Amino acid sequence: MASSSLFAATCRLLRLGRGRSGIPKSRAAASSSHNNSEEKRPPSLQSTMWPLGDPSTLLVPEIELWSARPGNRLCAVELQRIVKELRKRHPHRRQALEVSEWMNLKGHVKFLLKDHAVHLDLVGAIHGVEAAETYFNNLSDNDKTEKTYGALLNCYKREHLVDKALAHFQKMKELGYAFSALPYNNLMCLYANLGQHERVHSVMAEMKSNGIIPNNLSYKICINSYGARADFLGLEHPGGDGV
């Protein structure tokens, strides 16, 4: 009798345990449906692009192929992000320009000032300064701001064109576009790359006299420049004037 009661109690406990530990059918079905929907979700455009590691691969045909598939939709933000990531990798800059030209031509992205600046810099990097100047000159007056002026200055810096860089920088100052450390940093980089380290300090002094606050990159350029010419006194005060 006792063993029979013990057996019955054990069975009840087992049934109760299964009821508590088991996943409700409705929840299990929902989980299964969610997993299936994730499996069926098409890969994003970026996940399709990144495996194409060869810089010589044309990306526009791949993008158009991706967008033609059911369920895929081009997104301006994603296209801009792809251009940004490609631009960071020097071997892939030509691909960045390819995508940038295509999305502007097709109207997938309405170019803002920052987009024009990025595109101008890519044109200069791939096709040279003259092509960058042509692009800049063809911009509307509204699109010629500190961003696009700064992008062209960066092109001059990259090609070590001192006279053009100085004339362009002077124009930026006249227009009120030299209000941040960025154009001054470009000039300092230009002089540092040419080994004219004494002129780096002059630009830093001019920046400060114009009320422009140097940023971390400004001081880094100065410190590296002083180190290159073994100016250990300057290293103690890279900003000049005891700063």
C-alpha atoms as a PDB file:
ATOM      1  CA  MET A   1       0.000   0.000   0.000  1.00  0.00           C
ATOM      2  CA  ALA A   2       2.772   2.435   0.930  1.00  0.00           C
ATOM      3  CA  SER A   3       4.747   1.602  -2.200  1.00  0.00           C
ATOM      4  CA  SER A   4       1.639   2.157  -4.338  1.00  0.00           C
ATOM      5  CA  SER A   5       1.088   5.621  -2.802  1.00  0.00           C
ATOM      6  CA  LEU A   6       4.760   6.517  -3.259  1.00  0.00           C
ATOM      7  CA  PHE A   7       4.599   5.476  -6.931  1.00  0.00           C
ATOM      8  CA  ALA A   8       1.492   7.616  -7.525  1.00  0.00           C
ATOM      9  CA  ALA A   9       3.096  10.642  -5.843  1.00  0.00           C
ATOM     10  CA  THR A  10       6.218  10.238  -7.937  1.00  0.00           C
ATOM     11  CA  CYS A  11       4.162  10.171 -11.154  1.00  0.00           C
ATOM     12  CA  ARG A  12       2.354  13.352 -10.128  1.00  0.00           C
ATOM     13  CA  LEU A  13       5.657  15.131  -9.465  1.00  0.00           C
ATOM     14  CA  LEU A  14       7.032  14.064 -12.833  1.00  0.00           C
ATOM     15  CA  ARG A  15       3.936  15.350 -14.629  1.00  0.00           C
ATOM     16  CA  LEU A  16       4.146  18.624 -12.703  1.00  0.00           C
ATOM     17  CA  GLY A  17       7.847  19.018 -13.543  1.00  0.00           C
ATOM     18  CA  ARG A  18       7.218  18.500 -17.245  1.00  0.00           C
ATOM     19  CA  GLY A  19       4.439  21.076 -17.157  1.00  0.00           C
ATOM     20  CA  ARG A  20       6.632  23.715 -15.502  1.00  0.00           C
ATOM     21  CA  SER A  21       9.805  23.187 -17.485  1.00  0.00           C
ATOM     22  CA  GLY A  22       8.243  22.783 -20.900  1.00  0.00           C
ATOM     23  CA  ILE A  23       7.958  25.783 -23.272  1.00  0.00           C
ATOM     24  CA  PRO A  24       4.332  26.662 -24.033  1.00  0.00           C
ATOM     25  CA  LYS A  25       3.295  25.660 -27.511  1.00  0.00           C
ATOM     26  CA  SER A  26       2.332  29.202 -28.450  1.00  0.00           C
ATOM     27  CA  ARG A  27       5.735  30.558 -27.387  1.00  0.00           C
ATOM     28  CA  ALA A  28       7.590  27.744 -29.121  1.00  0.00           C
ATOM     29  CA  ALA A  29       5.648  28.364 -32.321  1.00  0.00           C
ATOM     30  CA  ALA A  30       6.383  32.092 -32.174  1.00  0.00           C
ATOM     31  CA  SER A  31      10.075  31.422 -31.584  1.00  0.00           C
ATOM     32  CA  SER A  32      10.183  29.017 -34.507  1.00  0.00           C
ATOM     33  CA  SER A  33       8.422  31.536 -36.760  1.00  0.00           C
ATOM     34  CA  HIS A  34      10.873  34.282 -35.703  1.00  0.00           C
ATOM     35  CA  ASN A  35      13.870  32.074 -36.456  1.00  0.00           C
ATOM     36  CA  ASN A  36      12.464  31.137 -39.845  1.00  0.00           C
ATOM     37  CA  SER A  37      11.893  34.800 -40.738  1.00  0.00           C
ATOM     38  CA  GLU A  38      15.503  35.608 -39.803  1.00  0.00           C
ATOM     39  CA  GLU A  39      16.739  32.773 -41.978  1.00  0.00           C
ATOM     40  CA  LYS A  40      14.684  34.029 -44.933  1.00  0.00           C
ATOM     41  CA  ARG A  41      15.765  37.677 -44.526  1.00  0.00           C
ATOM     42  CA  PRO A  42      18.005  38.636 -47.490  1.00  0.00           C
ATOM     43  CA  PRO A  43      21.592  39.699 -46.754  1.00  0.00           C
ATOM     44  CA  SER A  44      22.187  43.441 -46.400  1.00  0.00           C
ATOM     45  CA  LEU A  45      23.947  45.403 -49.115  1.00  0.00           C
ATOM     46  CA  GLN A  46      27.019  45.917 -46.938  1.00  0.00           C
ATOM     47  CA  SER A  47      27.326  42.215 -46.122  1.00  0.00           C
ATOM     48  CA  THR A  48      27.186  41.572 -49.865  1.00  0.00           C
ATOM     49  CA  MET A  49      29.867  44.160 -50.659  1.00  0.00           C
ATOM     50  CA  TRP A  50      32.552  43.391 -48.078  1.00  0.00           C
ATOM     51  CA  PRO A  51      33.440  39.877 -49.296  1.00  0.00           C
ATOM     52  CA  LEU A  52      34.351  41.489 -52.653  1.00  0.00           C
ATOM     53  CA  GLY A  53      37.847  42.299 -51.475  1.00  0.00           C
ATOM     54  CA  ASP A  54      39.533  42.795 -54.854  1.00  0.00           C
ATOM     55  CA  PRO A  55      39.993  46.576 -55.418  1.00  0.00           C
ATOM     56  CA  SER A  56      39.602  46.025 -59.168  1.00  0.00           C
ATOM     57  CA  THR A  57      36.073  44.626 -58.779  1.00  0.00           C
ATOM     58  CA  LEU A  58      33.350  46.899 -60.168  1.00  0.00           C
ATOM     59  CA  LEU A  59      30.857  47.412 -57.369  1.00  0.00           C
ATOM     60  CA  VAL A  60      28.026  49.184 -59.198  1.00  0.00           C
ATOM     61  CA  PRO A  61      26.927  46.043 -61.115  1.00  0.00           C
ATOM     62  CA  GLU A  62      26.899  44.155 -57.808  1.00  0.00           C
ATOM     63  CA  ILE A  63      24.803  46.874 -56.160  1.00  0.00           C
ATOM     64  CA  GLU A  64      22.331  46.910 -59.046  1.00  0.00           C
ATOM     65  CA  LEU A  65      22.104  43.116 -58.944  1.00  0.00           C
ATOM     66  CA  TRP A  66      21.437  43.216 -55.208  1.00  0.00           C
ATOM     67  CA  SER A  67      18.753  45.914 -55.537  1.00  0.00           C
ATOM     68  CA  ALA A  68      16.952  43.909 -58.253  1.00  0.00           C
ATOM     69  CA  ARG A  69      16.324  40.992 -55.893  1.00  0.00           C
ATOM     70  CA  PRO A  70      12.895  40.766 -54.230  1.00  0.00           C
ATOM     71  CA  GLY A  71      12.800  42.354 -50.798  1.00  0.00           C
ATOM     72  CA  ASN A  72      15.941  44.453 -51.278  1.00  0.00           C
ATOM     73  CA  ARG A  73      15.749  48.230 -51.194  1.00  0.00           C
ATOM     74  CA  LEU A  74      18.526  50.778 -51.615  1.00  0.00           C
ATOM     75  CA  CYS A  75      19.070  53.095 -48.664  1.00  0.00           C
ATOM     76  CA  ALA A  76      20.884  56.429 -49.001  1.00  0.00           C
ATOM     77  CA  VAL A  77      22.479  56.124 -45.569  1.00  0.00           C
ATOM     78  CA  GLU A  78      23.834  52.659 -46.354  1.00  0.00           C
ATOM     79  CA  LEU A  79      25.283  53.826 -49.679  1.00  0.00           C
ATOM     80  CA  GLN A  80      26.994  56.760 -47.960  1.00  0.00           C
ATOM     81  CA  ARG A  81      28.378  54.402 -45.316  1.00  0.00           C
ATOM     82  CA  ILE A  82      29.809  52.134 -48.020  1.00  0.00           C
ATOM     83  CA  VAL A  83      31.533  55.103 -49.680  1.00  0.00           C
ATOM     84  CA  LYS A  84      32.907  56.199 -46.310  1.00  0.00           C
ATOM     85  CA  GLU A  85      34.320  52.766 -45.487  1.00  0.00           C
ATOM     86  CA  LEU A  86      35.840  52.294 -48.944  1.00  0.00           C
ATOM     87  CA  ARG A  87      37.421  55.749 -48.784  1.00  0.00           C
ATOM     88  CA  LYS A  88      39.240  54.814 -45.580  1.00  0.00           C
ATOM     89  CA  ARG A  89      41.042  52.006 -47.420  1.00  0.00           C
ATOM     90  CA  HIS A  90      43.444  53.523 -49.952  1.00  0.00           C
ATOM     91  CA  PRO A  91      43.378  50.580 -52.403  1.00  0.00           C
ATOM     92  CA  HIS A  92      39.572  50.865 -52.533  1.00  0.00           C
ATOM     93  CA  ARG A  93      39.290  54.611 -53.199  1.00  0.00           C
ATOM     94  CA  ARG A  94      38.553  54.038 -56.871  1.00  0.00           C
ATOM     95  CA  GLN A  95      35.599  51.872 -55.845  1.00  0.00           C
ATOM     96  CA  ALA A  96      34.463  54.600 -53.441  1.00  0.00           C
ATOM     97  CA  LEU A  97      34.483  57.095 -56.311  1.00  0.00           C
ATOM     98  CA  GLU A  98      32.653  54.628 -58.554  1.00  0.00           C
ATOM     99  CA  VAL A  99      29.828  54.212 -56.032  1.00  0.00           C
ATOM    100  CA  SER A 100      29.724  57.943 -55.255  1.00  0.00           C
ATOM    101  CA  GLU A 101      29.422  58.884 -58.942  1.00  0.00           C
ATOM    102  CA  TRP A 102      26.745  56.263 -59.535  1.00  0.00           C
ATOM    103  CA  MET A 103      24.531  57.166 -56.588  1.00  0.00           C
ATOM    104  CA  ASN A 104      24.683  60.860 -57.549  1.00  0.00           C
ATOM    105  CA  LEU A 105      24.020  60.199 -61.236  1.00  0.00           C
ATOM    106  CA  LYS A 106      21.099  57.882 -60.519  1.00  0.00           C
ATOM    107  CA  GLY A 107      19.648  60.224 -57.913  1.00  0.00           C
ATOM    108  CA  HIS A 108      19.828  57.657 -55.124  1.00  0.00           C
ATOM    109  CA  VAL A 109      21.387  60.317 -52.892  1.00  0.00           C
ATOM    110  CA  LYS A 110      20.834  64.061 -53.124  1.00  0.00           C
ATOM    111  CA  PHE A 111      24.348  65.361 -52.593  1.00  0.00           C
ATOM    112  CA  LEU A 112      24.743  67.565 -49.551  1.00  0.00           C
ATOM    113  CA  LEU A 113      27.794  69.732 -48.866  1.00  0.00           C
ATOM    114  CA  LYS A 114      29.627  66.896 -47.118  1.00  0.00           C
ATOM    115  CA  ASP A 115      28.914  64.566 -50.065  1.00  0.00           C
ATOM    116  CA  HIS A 116      30.363  67.089 -52.529  1.00  0.00           C
ATOM    117  CA  ALA A 117      33.438  67.449 -50.308  1.00  0.00           C
ATOM    118  CA  VAL A 118      33.972  63.678 -50.108  1.00  0.00           C
ATOM    119  CA  HIS A 119      33.438  63.297 -53.847  1.00  0.00           C
ATOM    120  CA  LEU A 120      35.843  66.142 -54.655  1.00  0.00           C
ATOM    121  CA  ASP A 121      38.547  64.604 -52.481  1.00  0.00           C
ATOM    122  CA  LEU A 122      38.062  61.221 -54.187  1.00  0.00           C
ATOM    123  CA  VAL A 123      38.239  62.836 -57.636  1.00  0.00           C
ATOM    124  CA  GLY A 124      41.539  64.450 -56.650  1.00  0.00           C
ATOM    125  CA  ALA A 125      42.918  61.205 -55.233  1.00  0.00           C
ATOM    126  CA  ILE A 126      42.037  59.153 -58.332  1.00  0.00           C
ATOM    127  CA  HIS A 127      42.172  61.604 -61.244  1.00  0.00           C
ATOM    128  CA  GLY A 128      44.498  64.320 -59.960  1.00  0.00           C
ATOM    129  CA  VAL A 129      44.325  67.967 -58.933  1.00  0.00           C
ATOM    130  CA  GLU A 130      43.143  69.342 -62.282  1.00  0.00           C
ATOM    131  CA  ALA A 131      40.090  67.073 -62.215  1.00  0.00           C
ATOM    132  CA  ALA A 132      39.391  68.146 -58.626  1.00  0.00           C
ATOM    133  CA  GLU A 133      39.662  71.814 -59.623  1.00  0.00           C
ATOM    134  CA  THR A 134      37.239  71.241 -62.501  1.00  0.00           C
ATOM    135  CA  TYR A 135      34.746  69.591 -60.179  1.00  0.00           C
ATOM    136  CA  PHE A 136      35.108  72.450 -57.688  1.00  0.00           C
ATOM    137  CA  ASN A 137      34.698  75.149 -60.342  1.00  0.00           C
ATOM    138  CA  ASN A 138      31.535  73.476 -61.638  1.00  0.00           C
ATOM    139  CA  LEU A 139      29.879  73.561 -58.223  1.00  0.00           C
ATOM    140  CA  SER A 140      27.182  76.121 -57.573  1.00  0.00           C
ATOM    141  CA  ASP A 141      28.063  79.047 -55.321  1.00  0.00           C
ATOM    142  CA  ASN A 142      25.869  77.530 -52.600  1.00  0.00           C
ATOM    143  CA  ASP A 143      27.949  74.351 -52.678  1.00  0.00           C
ATOM    144  CA  LYS A 144      31.247  76.215 -52.345  1.00  0.00           C
ATOM    145  CA  THR A 145      31.590  76.333 -48.578  1.00  0.00           C
ATOM    146  CA  GLU A 146      34.273  75.585 -46.021  1.00  0.00           C
ATOM    147  CA  LYS A 147      33.782  71.853 -46.660  1.00  0.00           C
ATOM    148  CA  THR A 148      34.415  71.890 -50.406  1.00  0.00           C
ATOM    149  CA  TYR A 149      37.113  74.566 -50.094  1.00  0.00           C
ATOM    150  CA  GLY A 150      38.751  72.406 -47.443  1.00  0.00           C
ATOM    151  CA  ALA A 151      38.547  69.319 -49.663  1.00  0.00           C
ATOM    152  CA  LEU A 152      40.369  71.123 -52.479  1.00  0.00           C
ATOM    153  CA  LEU A 153      43.008  72.343 -50.021  1.00  0.00           C
ATOM    154  CA  ASN A 154      43.506  68.726 -48.985  1.00  0.00           C
ATOM    155  CA  CYS A 155      44.094  67.822 -52.644  1.00  0.00           C
ATOM    156  CA  TYR A 156      46.811  70.489 -52.892  1.00  0.00           C
ATOM    157  CA  LYS A 157      48.367  69.169 -49.690  1.00  0.00           C
ATOM    158  CA  ARG A 158      48.363  65.610 -50.990  1.00  0.00           C
ATOM    159  CA  GLU A 159      50.181  66.662 -54.180  1.00  0.00           C
ATOM    160  CA  HIS A 160      52.639  68.941 -52.298  1.00  0.00           C
ATOM    161  CA  LEU A 161      51.519  72.036 -54.252  1.00  0.00           C
ATOM    162  CA  VAL A 162      52.639  74.790 -51.885  1.00  0.00           C
ATOM    163  CA  ASP A 163      51.822  77.852 -54.016  1.00  0.00           C
ATOM    164  CA  LYS A 164      48.329  76.648 -54.870  1.00  0.00           C
ATOM    165  CA  ALA A 165      47.711  75.621 -51.277  1.00  0.00           C
ATOM    166  CA  LEU A 166      48.741  79.028 -49.937  1.00  0.00           C
ATOM    167  CA  ALA A 167      46.664  80.949 -52.494  1.00  0.00           C
ATOM    168  CA  HIS A 168      43.651  78.753 -51.780  1.00  0.00           C
ATOM    169  CA  PHE A 169      44.124  79.075 -48.026  1.00  0.00           C
ATOM    170  CA  GLN A 170      44.275  82.864 -48.368  1.00  0.00           C
ATOM    171  CA  LYS A 171      40.991  82.781 -50.280  1.00  0.00           C
ATOM    172  CA  MET A 172      39.464  80.673 -47.500  1.00  0.00           C
ATOM    173  CA  LYS A 173      40.516  83.268 -44.938  1.00  0.00           C
ATOM    174  CA  GLU A 174      39.028  86.089 -47.008  1.00  0.00           C
ATOM    175  CA  LEU A 175      35.721  84.224 -47.232  1.00  0.00           C
ATOM    176  CA  GLY A 176      35.725  83.386 -43.529  1.00  0.00           C
ATOM    177  CA  TYR A 177      36.137  79.655 -44.133  1.00  0.00           C
ATOM    178  CA  ALA A 178      39.359  79.228 -42.132  1.00  0.00           C
ATOM    179  CA  PHE A 179      37.582  79.213 -38.788  1.00  0.00           C
ATOM    180  CA  SER A 180      38.691  75.785 -37.558  1.00  0.00           C
ATOM    181  CA  ALA A 181      41.968  73.951 -37.030  1.00  0.00           C
ATOM    182  CA  LEU A 182      41.436  71.736 -40.102  1.00  0.00           C
ATOM    183  CA  PRO A 183      42.827  74.013 -42.865  1.00  0.00           C
ATOM    184  CA  TYR A 184      45.740  75.040 -40.654  1.00  0.00           C
ATOM    185  CA  ASN A 185      46.486  71.379 -39.975  1.00  0.00           C
ATOM    186  CA  ASN A 186      46.530  70.732 -43.718  1.00  0.00           C
ATOM    187  CA  LEU A 187      49.124  73.458 -44.213  1.00  0.00           C
ATOM    188  CA  MET A 188      51.241  72.159 -41.340  1.00  0.00           C
ATOM    189  CA  CYS A 189      51.068  68.635 -42.791  1.00  0.00           C
ATOM    190  CA  LEU A 190      52.141  69.991 -46.163  1.00  0.00           C
ATOM    191  CA  TYR A 191      55.199  71.719 -44.728  1.00  0.00           C
ATOM    192  CA  ALA A 192      56.069  68.750 -42.520  1.00  0.00           C
ATOM    193  CA  ASN A 193      55.883  66.368 -45.490  1.00  0.00           C
ATOM    194  CA  LEU A 194      58.208  68.651 -47.441  1.00  0.00           C
ATOM    195  CA  GLY A 195      60.676  68.823 -44.551  1.00  0.00           C
ATOM    196  CA  GLN A 196      60.035  72.548 -44.021  1.00  0.00           C
ATOM    197  CA  HIS A 197      59.601  72.102 -40.307  1.00  0.00           C
ATOM    198  CA  GLU A 198      60.282  75.713 -39.338  1.00  0.00           C
ATOM    199  CA  ARG A 199      57.178  76.762 -41.289  1.00  0.00           C
ATOM    200  CA  VAL A 200      55.047  74.351 -39.270  1.00  0.00           C
ATOM    201  CA  HIS A 201      55.670  76.485 -36.187  1.00  0.00           C
ATOM    202  CA  SER A 202      54.768  79.633 -38.158  1.00  0.00           C
ATOM    203  CA  VAL A 203      51.388  78.202 -39.114  1.00  0.00           C
ATOM    204  CA  MET A 204      50.721  77.183 -35.515  1.00  0.00           C
ATOM    205  CA  ALA A 205      51.572  80.717 -34.361  1.00  0.00           C
ATOM    206  CA  GLU A 206      49.273  82.209 -37.013  1.00  0.00           C
ATOM    207  CA  MET A 207      46.475  79.879 -35.959  1.00  0.00           C
ATOM    208  CA  LYS A 208      46.721  81.045 -32.376  1.00  0.00           C
ATOM    209  CA  SER A 209      46.981  84.719 -33.316  1.00  0.00           C
ATOM    210  CA  ASN A 210      43.752  84.353 -35.302  1.00  0.00           C
ATOM    211  CA  GLY A 211      41.969  82.935 -32.282  1.00  0.00           C
ATOM    212  CA  ILE A 212      41.780  79.384 -33.653  1.00  0.00           C
ATOM    213  CA  ILE A 213      42.183  76.744 -30.949  1.00  0.00           C
ATOM    214  CA  PRO A 214      44.643  73.982 -31.975  1.00  0.00           C
ATOM    215  CA  ASN A 215      43.330  70.445 -31.623  1.00  0.00           C
ATOM    216  CA  ASN A 216      45.159  67.224 -30.767  1.00  0.00           C
ATOM    217  CA  LEU A 217      46.212  66.710 -34.382  1.00  0.00           C
ATOM    218  CA  SER A 218      47.696  70.223 -34.472  1.00  0.00           C
ATOM    219  CA  TYR A 219      49.929  69.445 -31.510  1.00  0.00           C
ATOM    220  CA  LYS A 220      50.804  66.009 -32.880  1.00  0.00           C
ATOM    221  CA  ILE A 221      51.995  67.535 -36.166  1.00  0.00           C
ATOM    222  CA  CYS A 222      54.048  70.109 -34.267  1.00  0.00           C
ATOM    223  CA  ILE A 223      55.611  67.576 -31.929  1.00  0.00           C
ATOM    224  CA  ASN A 224      56.542  65.267 -34.812  1.00  0.00           C
ATOM    225  CA  SER A 225      57.980  68.221 -36.705  1.00  0.00           C
ATOM    226  CA  TYR A 226      60.085  69.349 -33.766  1.00  0.00           C
ATOM    227  CA  GLY A 227      61.270  65.790 -33.282  1.00  0.00           C
ATOM    228  CA  ALA A 228      62.224  65.515 -36.950  1.00  0.00           C
ATOM    229  CA  ARG A 229      64.557  68.477 -36.647  1.00  0.00           C
ATOM    230  CA  ALA A 230      65.667  67.534 -33.109  1.00  0.00           C
ATOM    231  CA  ASP A 231      64.275  70.746 -31.631  1.00  0.00           C
ATOM    232  CA  PHE A 232      64.073  69.566 -28.058  1.00  0.00           C
ATOM    233  CA  LEU A 233      63.380  73.057 -26.728  1.00  0.00           C
ATOM    234  CA  GLY A 234      60.388  73.315 -29.035  1.00  0.00           C
ATOM    235  CA  LEU A 235      59.185  69.920 -27.873  1.00  0.00           C
ATOM    236  CA  GLU A 236      58.703  71.364 -24.397  1.00  0.00           C
ATOM    237  CA  HIS A 237      56.331  74.045 -25.751  1.00  0.00           C
ATOM    238  CA  PRO A 238      54.908  72.802 -29.087  1.00  0.00           C
ATOM    239  CA  GLY A 239      52.260  75.526 -29.209  1.00  0.00           C
ATOM    240  CA  GLY A 240      54.713  78.361 -28.704  1.00  0.00           C
ATOM    241  CA  ASP A 241      54.276  81.246 -26.255  1.00  0.00           C
ATOM    242  CA  GLY A 242      54.846  78.920 -23.338  1.00  0.00           C
ATOM    243  CA  VAL A 243      51.784  76.767 -24.088  1.00  0.00           C
END
